[in-house]
Amino acid sequence: MVLESPVSWNSLIHKLIENRYHDDAIKLYKQMQENRVPPTPRTLTSVLMACAGLKAISEGRQAHAQTIFRGFLPNLILETSLVDFYSKNGEVESGRQMLERMEERNVCSWNSLIRGYSQLGIGDEDALQEEFRSLHAYIIKSGLQTDRFVATSLITMYSEMQHFENSRLAFSDANSLDVGVWSSIISASTKNGEGEVALRIFCEMLDLEIEPNQFIFSSLFTACGNLSAMEMGKQIHAYCLKSRNFSDTATQNSLINMYSTCGWIEEAIKVFDLMKNQNVASFNSIILALAQHGHP
């Protein structure tokens, strides 16, 4: 039976992508073309998602050509998919050009491009830094620096490239009370060896009555371990016990590592024994802790 309606084809292609069968989705799209069923903007949006997932550059460019040939642009969702496709395939300049041509941009469009830049991480470091600064300035000009999703992406991008001062600038520009933004800067501080900064930011956060999440506690325990700041770690542990986040496995694993690093193996064992959902990382943490402290 041949499906004649684009709607039926779109549903099947979208379902395959939802289940991460990207290769099958592209094959089905080719069958759709062979049966002379015209694609819709939704068809090409789905195909571009599949091409981004597979890094199928040739097929993605063909889908882009179809969007132009069929006059589907401008279309915010379709154009955002194009930015995402080019960015995930390392062609961030093409992604940026696509973004600049868009009549309307949303947070997803910017985040796709930011992630593309953060995943490069190679080549001429000075040139890459200049691109980052240019992109950041463009975001500020567009007034999106205060958006929590854009701010989080910028903070994370700079952190992954080990440009922590720029992470702090992005955090300052955001001027946000969103816990996700604060979580990002605390994580960035810890990952870049700025544990004391992470702890100071945490104190500022509490002064503003922002409730920490499990990611913040995990970062803080790591920071305390790196600083051998066991007393501070104990205080944060006590605070965490009062919150609903203490049952988080990753948080408890970080706590085991903190106590072990600070030399209090008995407390590390206690945390491990009281865990309800131990995973491989939990066992690895306690085994390493016991070995470091000479326990059989």
Protein backbone atom coordinates (compact mmCIF):
# COMPACT_ATOMS: atom_id res chain seq x y z
CA MET A 1 0.00 0.00 0.00
CA VAL A 2 1.42 3.39 -1.04
CA LEU A 3 0.85 6.31 1.31
CA GLU A 4 -0.24 9.36 -0.67
CA SER A 5 -0.64 11.90 2.10
CA PRO A 6 2.46 13.76 3.37
CA VAL A 7 0.85 13.71 6.82
CA SER A 8 1.14 9.91 7.02
CA TRP A 9 4.78 9.97 5.89
CA ASN A 10 5.57 12.76 8.35
CA SER A 11 4.12 10.79 11.25
CA LEU A 12 6.18 7.70 10.40
CA ILE A 13 9.41 9.68 9.92
CA HIS A 14 8.87 11.60 13.15
CA LYS A 15 8.19 8.39 15.08
CA LEU A 16 11.45 6.87 13.84
CA ILE A 17 13.38 9.95 14.97
CA GLU A 18 11.71 9.91 18.37
CA ASN A 19 13.09 6.41 18.81
CA ARG A 20 16.54 7.44 17.45
CA TYR A 21 16.23 5.43 14.23
CA HIS A 22 17.75 8.29 12.28
CA ASP A 23 19.09 6.15 9.43
CA ASP A 24 15.69 4.54 8.90
CA ALA A 25 14.04 7.97 8.95
CA ILE A 26 16.27 9.17 6.10
CA LYS A 27 15.60 5.98 4.12
CA LEU A 28 11.87 6.51 4.57
CA TYR A 29 12.20 10.10 3.38
CA LYS A 30 13.94 8.83 0.23
CA GLN A 31 11.06 6.41 -0.31
CA MET A 32 8.69 9.32 0.06
CA GLN A 33 10.57 11.13 -2.73
CA GLU A 34 10.54 8.02 -4.95
CA ASN A 35 6.76 7.88 -4.55
CA ARG A 36 6.57 11.55 -5.62
CA VAL A 37 4.93 12.61 -2.37
CA PRO A 38 5.84 16.30 -1.84
CA PRO A 39 7.56 17.08 1.49
CA THR A 40 6.19 19.67 3.88
CA PRO A 41 8.14 21.95 6.25
CA ARG A 42 7.55 19.36 8.96
CA THR A 43 9.03 16.63 6.75
CA LEU A 44 12.23 18.58 6.19
CA THR A 45 12.47 19.63 9.84
CA SER A 46 12.42 15.95 10.81
CA VAL A 47 14.92 15.00 8.09
CA LEU A 48 17.32 17.71 9.28
CA MET A 49 17.03 16.38 12.83
CA ALA A 50 17.95 12.92 11.55
CA CYS A 51 20.86 14.32 9.53
CA ALA A 52 22.13 16.20 12.58
CA GLY A 53 21.99 13.01 14.64
CA LEU A 54 23.83 10.99 11.99
CA LYS A 55 26.17 13.78 10.88
CA ALA A 56 24.85 13.12 7.38
CA ILE A 57 26.13 16.31 5.80
CA SER A 58 25.28 15.52 2.18
CA GLU A 59 21.67 14.53 2.93
CA GLY A 60 21.25 17.58 5.16
CA ARG A 61 22.43 19.93 2.45
CA GLN A 62 20.00 18.33 0.03
CA ALA A 63 17.19 18.91 2.56
CA HIS A 64 18.33 22.54 2.87
CA ALA A 65 18.14 22.88 -0.92
CA GLN A 66 14.59 21.53 -0.81
CA THR A 67 13.56 24.20 1.74
CA ILE A 68 14.74 26.89 -0.69
CA PHE A 69 13.37 25.23 -3.85
CA ARG A 70 9.91 24.79 -2.33
CA GLY A 71 9.79 28.29 -0.85
CA PHE A 72 9.41 27.11 2.76
CA LEU A 73 11.61 29.87 4.19
CA PRO A 74 11.23 31.91 6.31
CA ASN A 75 9.98 29.37 8.86
CA LEU A 76 11.26 29.63 12.43
CA ILE A 77 11.16 25.92 13.26
CA LEU A 78 12.68 24.86 9.95
CA GLU A 79 15.41 27.52 10.10
CA THR A 80 16.27 26.54 13.68
CA SER A 81 16.64 22.94 12.51
CA LEU A 82 19.05 24.15 9.82
CA VAL A 83 21.14 26.05 12.39
CA ASP A 84 21.19 22.93 14.57
CA PHE A 85 22.14 20.68 11.64
CA TYR A 86 25.09 22.80 10.54
CA SER A 87 26.28 23.42 14.11
CA LYS A 88 26.23 19.74 15.07
CA ASN A 89 28.20 18.91 11.94
CA GLY A 90 30.97 21.36 12.83
CA GLU A 91 29.96 23.88 10.18
CA VAL A 92 29.27 26.65 12.67
CA GLU A 93 29.97 29.41 10.15
CA SER A 94 27.15 28.08 7.96
CA GLY A 95 24.99 27.83 11.07
CA ARG A 96 25.79 31.39 11.99
CA GLN A 97 25.03 32.66 8.49
CA MET A 98 21.71 30.84 8.66
CA LEU A 99 20.96 32.47 12.02
CA GLU A 100 21.85 35.94 10.74
CA ARG A 101 19.47 35.56 7.79
CA MET A 102 16.56 34.58 10.03
CA GLU A 103 13.86 37.22 10.30
CA GLU A 104 12.92 35.86 13.73
CA ARG A 105 15.18 34.05 16.20
CA ASN A 106 14.38 32.14 19.38
CA VAL A 107 16.35 30.67 22.25
CA CYS A 108 16.66 27.29 20.52
CA SER A 109 18.29 28.94 17.52
CA TRP A 110 20.94 30.60 19.68
CA ASN A 111 21.55 27.53 21.80
CA SER A 112 22.12 25.38 18.72
CA LEU A 113 24.81 27.76 17.52
CA ILE A 114 26.41 28.13 20.96
CA ARG A 115 26.65 24.35 21.33
CA GLY A 116 28.22 24.17 17.89
CA TYR A 117 30.96 26.59 18.91
CA SER A 118 31.57 24.82 22.21
CA GLN A 119 32.01 21.48 20.44
CA LEU A 120 34.71 22.79 18.11
CA GLY A 121 37.45 23.25 20.68
CA ILE A 122 40.18 22.81 18.08
CA GLY A 123 42.12 24.85 15.57
CA ASP A 124 43.35 28.42 15.99
CA GLU A 125 42.64 29.26 19.62
CA ASP A 126 42.82 33.03 19.06
CA ALA A 127 40.45 32.85 16.10
CA LEU A 128 38.04 30.68 18.07
CA GLN A 129 38.13 33.11 20.98
CA GLU A 130 37.36 35.97 18.61
CA GLU A 131 34.38 34.04 17.25
CA PHE A 132 33.12 33.46 20.81
CA ARG A 133 33.41 37.14 21.66
CA SER A 134 31.67 38.11 18.44
CA LEU A 135 28.85 35.65 19.09
CA HIS A 136 28.47 36.83 22.68
CA ALA A 137 28.34 40.46 21.56
CA TYR A 138 25.70 39.55 18.99
CA ILE A 139 23.60 37.91 21.71
CA ILE A 140 23.88 41.01 23.91
CA LYS A 141 22.88 43.21 20.95
CA SER A 142 19.83 40.99 20.47
CA GLY A 143 18.93 41.38 24.16
CA LEU A 144 18.99 37.64 24.83
CA GLN A 145 21.81 37.58 27.39
CA THR A 146 19.28 37.54 30.22
CA ASP A 147 17.44 34.50 28.89
CA ARG A 148 18.18 31.62 31.25
CA PHE A 149 18.74 29.06 28.51
CA VAL A 150 21.09 31.27 26.51
CA ALA A 151 22.97 32.30 29.67
CA THR A 152 23.37 28.69 30.77
CA SER A 153 24.70 27.71 27.34
CA LEU A 154 27.19 30.59 27.29
CA ILE A 155 28.47 29.82 30.79
CA THR A 156 28.88 26.16 29.92
CA MET A 157 30.50 26.92 26.56
CA TYR A 158 33.17 29.15 28.09
CA SER A 159 33.73 26.70 30.92
CA GLU A 160 34.34 23.79 28.57
CA MET A 161 36.89 25.91 26.71
CA GLN A 162 38.52 26.79 30.07
CA HIS A 163 37.78 30.50 29.78
CA PHE A 164 36.30 30.90 33.21
CA GLU A 165 36.40 34.71 33.32
CA ASN A 166 34.11 34.77 30.31
CA SER A 167 31.79 32.34 32.11
CA ARG A 168 31.62 34.83 34.97
CA LEU A 169 30.86 37.67 32.55
CA ALA A 170 28.03 35.67 30.98
CA PHE A 171 26.69 34.94 34.47
CA SER A 172 26.89 38.62 35.43
CA ASP A 173 25.17 39.69 32.19
CA ALA A 174 22.33 37.25 32.85
CA ASN A 175 21.44 38.91 36.18
CA SER A 176 19.22 35.91 36.82
CA LEU A 177 17.55 34.30 39.81
CA ASP A 178 17.06 31.04 37.90
CA VAL A 179 18.61 28.08 39.72
CA GLY A 180 19.84 26.58 36.44
CA VAL A 181 21.98 29.63 35.71
CA TRP A 182 23.46 29.54 39.23
CA SER A 183 24.05 25.82 38.92
CA SER A 184 25.96 26.40 35.68
CA ILE A 185 28.32 29.00 37.15
CA ILE A 186 28.97 26.91 40.28
CA SER A 187 29.73 23.89 38.09
CA ALA A 188 31.98 26.03 35.87
CA SER A 189 33.83 27.31 38.94
CA THR A 190 34.48 23.80 40.23
CA LYS A 191 35.54 22.39 36.85
CA ASN A 192 37.99 25.24 36.35
CA GLY A 193 39.65 24.79 39.74
CA GLU A 194 37.90 27.77 41.33
CA GLY A 195 36.39 25.98 44.30
CA GLU A 196 36.53 29.01 46.57
CA VAL A 197 34.59 31.01 43.99
CA ALA A 198 32.00 28.23 43.82
CA LEU A 199 31.53 28.40 47.59
CA ARG A 200 31.24 32.20 47.57
CA ILE A 201 28.63 32.06 44.82
CA PHE A 202 26.72 29.45 46.81
CA CYS A 203 26.62 31.80 49.81
CA GLU A 204 25.35 34.63 47.57
CA MET A 205 22.72 32.26 46.27
CA LEU A 206 21.47 31.47 49.76
CA ASP A 207 21.35 35.18 50.60
CA LEU A 208 18.99 35.59 47.63
CA GLU A 209 16.90 32.66 48.93
CA ILE A 210 17.40 30.58 45.79
CA GLU A 211 16.88 26.90 46.55
CA PRO A 212 19.88 24.79 45.41
CA ASN A 213 19.34 21.73 43.23
CA GLN A 214 21.16 18.40 43.22
CA PHE A 215 23.67 19.54 40.59
CA ILE A 216 24.77 22.42 42.81
CA PHE A 217 25.29 20.15 45.81
CA SER A 218 27.28 17.71 43.69
CA SER A 219 29.55 20.51 42.43
CA LEU A 220 29.99 21.91 45.94
CA PHE A 221 31.04 18.55 47.41
CA THR A 222 33.57 18.21 44.60
CA ALA A 223 34.85 21.73 45.32
CA CYS A 224 35.17 21.00 49.04
CA GLY A 225 37.06 17.79 48.29
CA ASN A 226 39.47 19.61 45.98
CA LEU A 227 40.06 22.27 48.64
CA SER A 228 40.22 19.74 51.52
CA ALA A 229 37.57 21.97 53.11
CA MET A 230 35.91 19.27 55.18
CA GLU A 231 34.25 21.59 57.70
CA MET A 232 32.56 23.55 54.93
CA GLY A 233 31.63 20.25 53.28
CA LYS A 234 30.03 19.03 56.50
CA GLN A 235 27.95 22.21 56.74
CA ILE A 236 26.78 21.83 53.14
CA HIS A 237 26.06 18.15 53.85
CA ALA A 238 23.86 19.16 56.78
CA TYR A 239 22.05 21.70 54.58
CA CYS A 240 21.61 19.10 51.85
CA LEU A 241 20.08 16.62 54.30
CA LYS A 242 17.24 19.07 54.91
CA SER A 243 16.48 19.34 51.20
CA ARG A 244 14.74 16.92 48.87
CA ASN A 245 17.94 16.55 46.83
CA PHE A 246 19.94 14.34 49.17
CA SER A 247 18.50 11.13 47.74
CA ASP A 248 20.12 11.94 44.37
CA THR A 249 22.69 9.24 43.65
CA ALA A 250 25.20 11.50 41.87
CA THR A 251 25.11 13.92 44.81
CA GLN A 252 25.81 11.13 47.29
CA ASN A 253 28.65 9.82 45.12
CA SER A 254 30.24 13.28 45.21
CA LEU A 255 29.81 13.28 48.97
CA ILE A 256 31.62 9.92 49.28
CA ASN A 257 34.48 11.33 47.22
CA MET A 258 34.63 14.48 49.34
CA TYR A 259 34.87 12.66 52.66
CA SER A 260 37.42 10.24 51.24
CA THR A 261 39.57 13.04 49.82
CA CYS A 262 39.39 14.90 53.11
CA GLY A 263 40.53 11.78 55.01
CA TRP A 264 37.28 10.85 56.79
CA ILE A 265 36.82 7.35 55.39
CA GLU A 266 34.35 6.32 58.12
CA GLU A 267 31.89 8.99 57.03
CA ALA A 268 32.36 8.01 53.37
CA ILE A 269 31.45 4.42 54.28
CA LYS A 270 28.45 5.65 56.26
CA VAL A 271 27.14 7.66 53.29
CA PHE A 272 27.60 4.63 51.02
CA ASP A 273 25.81 2.26 53.44
CA LEU A 274 22.83 4.59 53.75
CA MET A 275 22.38 5.00 49.99
CA LYS A 276 19.15 3.55 48.61
CA ASN A 277 20.15 3.60 44.94
CA GLN A 278 23.79 2.67 44.60
CA ASN A 279 25.15 2.50 41.05
CA VAL A 280 28.45 1.54 39.43
CA ALA A 281 29.90 4.97 40.20
CA SER A 282 28.95 4.52 43.87
CA PHE A 283 30.84 1.24 44.12
CA ASN A 284 33.81 2.66 42.23
CA SER A 285 33.91 5.64 44.60
CA ILE A 286 33.85 3.56 47.79
CA ILE A 287 36.32 0.96 46.44
CA LEU A 288 38.75 3.73 45.51
CA ALA A 289 38.22 5.39 48.87
CA LEU A 290 38.94 2.17 50.77
CA ALA A 291 42.04 1.49 48.67
CA GLN A 292 43.40 4.99 49.24
CA HIS A 293 43.01 4.58 52.99
CA GLY A 294 44.59 1.13 53.16
CA HIS A 295 41.41 -0.85 53.73
CA PRO A 296 41.27 -4.36 52.25
